[in-house]
Protein backbone atom coordinates (compact mmCIF):
# COMPACT_ATOMS: atom_id res chain seq x y z
CA MET A 1 115.01 91.19 123.20
CA HIS A 2 111.26 91.56 123.90
CA LYS A 3 111.33 95.18 122.79
CA ASP A 4 112.97 94.22 119.45
CA GLU A 5 110.38 91.50 118.85
CA THR A 6 107.52 93.98 119.46
CA ILE A 7 109.13 96.37 117.01
CA ILE A 8 109.44 93.66 114.38
CA LEU A 9 105.74 92.79 114.80
CA LEU A 10 104.91 96.52 114.30
CA MET A 11 107.04 96.57 111.18
CA ILE A 12 105.20 93.57 109.75
CA GLU A 13 101.87 95.24 110.55
CA THR A 14 103.13 98.49 108.91
CA ILE A 15 104.06 96.65 105.74
CA GLY A 16 100.65 95.05 105.76
CA LYS A 17 99.13 98.51 105.78
CA ILE A 18 101.20 99.60 102.81
CA ILE A 19 100.18 96.55 100.90
CA LEU A 20 96.55 97.19 101.79
CA TYR A 21 96.72 100.82 100.66
CA THR A 22 98.28 99.92 97.28
CA THR A 23 96.83 96.57 96.41
CA ASP A 24 94.00 97.97 94.17
CA LEU A 25 96.47 100.15 92.30
CA ASP A 26 98.25 98.77 89.22
CA SER A 27 100.74 101.44 88.30
CA ALA A 28 102.93 104.19 89.73
CA GLU A 29 100.74 106.76 87.95
CA LYS A 30 97.62 105.52 89.71
CA PHE A 31 99.50 105.36 92.97
CA GLU A 32 100.60 108.98 92.60
CA THR A 33 97.08 110.28 91.80
CA ASP A 34 95.37 108.37 94.59
CA PHE A 35 96.29 111.00 97.21
CA LYS A 36 94.96 109.23 100.25
CA SER A 37 96.82 105.96 99.39
CA PHE A 38 100.01 107.84 98.48
CA ASP A 39 100.00 109.91 101.65
CA ALA A 40 99.11 106.92 103.85
CA THR A 41 101.85 104.84 102.24
CA ILE A 42 104.50 107.42 102.66
CA MET A 43 103.58 107.89 106.32
CA ASN A 44 103.82 104.17 106.89
CA PHE A 45 107.25 104.02 105.21
CA ILE A 46 108.28 106.77 107.69
CA VAL A 47 106.90 104.55 110.55
CA LEU A 48 108.91 101.63 109.20
CA GLY A 49 112.09 103.70 109.33
CA GLU A 50 111.30 104.97 112.82
CA CYS A 51 110.96 101.39 113.93
CA VAL A 52 114.43 100.57 112.63
CA GLY A 53 115.77 103.46 114.64
CA LYS A 54 114.35 101.88 117.83
CA LEU A 55 115.82 98.42 117.29
CA SER A 56 118.85 97.54 119.37
CA GLU A 57 122.23 97.57 117.64
CA GLN A 58 122.75 93.95 118.85
CA PHE A 59 119.52 92.87 117.15
CA LYS A 60 120.37 94.60 113.88
CA GLU A 61 123.89 93.07 113.94
CA SER A 62 122.43 89.59 114.53
CA HIS A 63 120.10 90.08 111.56
CA SER A 64 122.54 91.64 109.17
CA ASN A 65 120.86 90.12 106.10
CA ILE A 66 118.46 93.10 106.31
CA ASP A 67 119.85 96.45 105.23
CA TRP A 68 118.61 98.41 108.22
CA ARG A 69 120.63 101.46 107.27
CA LYS A 70 118.90 101.64 103.85
CA ILE A 71 115.45 101.44 105.42
CA TYR A 72 116.24 104.27 107.85
CA ALA A 73 117.84 106.37 105.08
CA PHE A 74 114.67 106.04 102.99
CA ARG A 75 112.65 107.29 105.99
CA ASN A 76 114.87 110.30 106.11
CA VAL A 77 114.33 111.05 102.41
CA LEU A 78 110.57 110.74 102.76
CA ALA A 79 110.38 112.79 105.93
CA HIS A 80 112.69 115.63 104.89
CA ASP A 81 112.12 115.86 101.11
CA TYR A 82 108.43 115.14 100.78
CA PHE A 83 107.91 117.29 97.74
CA GLY A 84 110.87 115.60 96.02
CA ILE A 85 109.48 112.16 96.26
CA TYR A 86 109.09 110.25 92.97
CA ALA A 87 106.04 108.01 93.04
CA ALA A 88 107.64 105.66 90.51
CA GLU A 89 110.62 104.98 92.87
CA VAL A 90 108.33 104.38 95.84
CA TRP A 91 106.13 102.11 93.65
CA GLU A 92 109.14 100.06 92.59
CA ILE A 93 110.15 99.68 96.27
CA ILE A 94 106.64 98.49 97.08
CA GLN A 95 106.64 96.02 94.26
CA LYS A 96 110.19 94.62 94.48
CA ASP A 97 111.66 95.28 97.99
CA LEU A 98 108.73 95.24 100.35
CA PRO A 99 107.69 91.58 99.85
CA LYS A 100 111.33 90.47 100.51
CA LEU A 101 111.52 92.64 103.62
CA LYS A 102 108.21 91.25 104.89
CA ALA A 103 109.41 87.72 104.34
CA ASN A 104 112.67 88.40 106.14
CA LEU A 105 110.96 90.02 109.10
CA GLU A 106 108.44 87.16 109.36
CA SER A 107 111.28 84.62 109.45
CA ILE A 108 112.78 86.28 112.51
């Protein structure tokens, strides 16, 4: 279980970085044109998905309120279709889904 707990802490830290990189931006358009923030954010979403891949199946099953499969699938899209990424979709995930995920992870 210790490994899973360490990974969850890394995921919370990674979400914190995404929030930090996007906090001064107020729209998907600004997010897309701030190349450093965009690239850093995408990379951290990939890290987030990689973390999910390292969690034990037992851990993921015991915390089934989190859609682990969806997080990992998003990582695959970002890693393998970089030039097909729509900033507006990523922005929406940052605004709507990331705070919920962070809260769920912090409650573990």
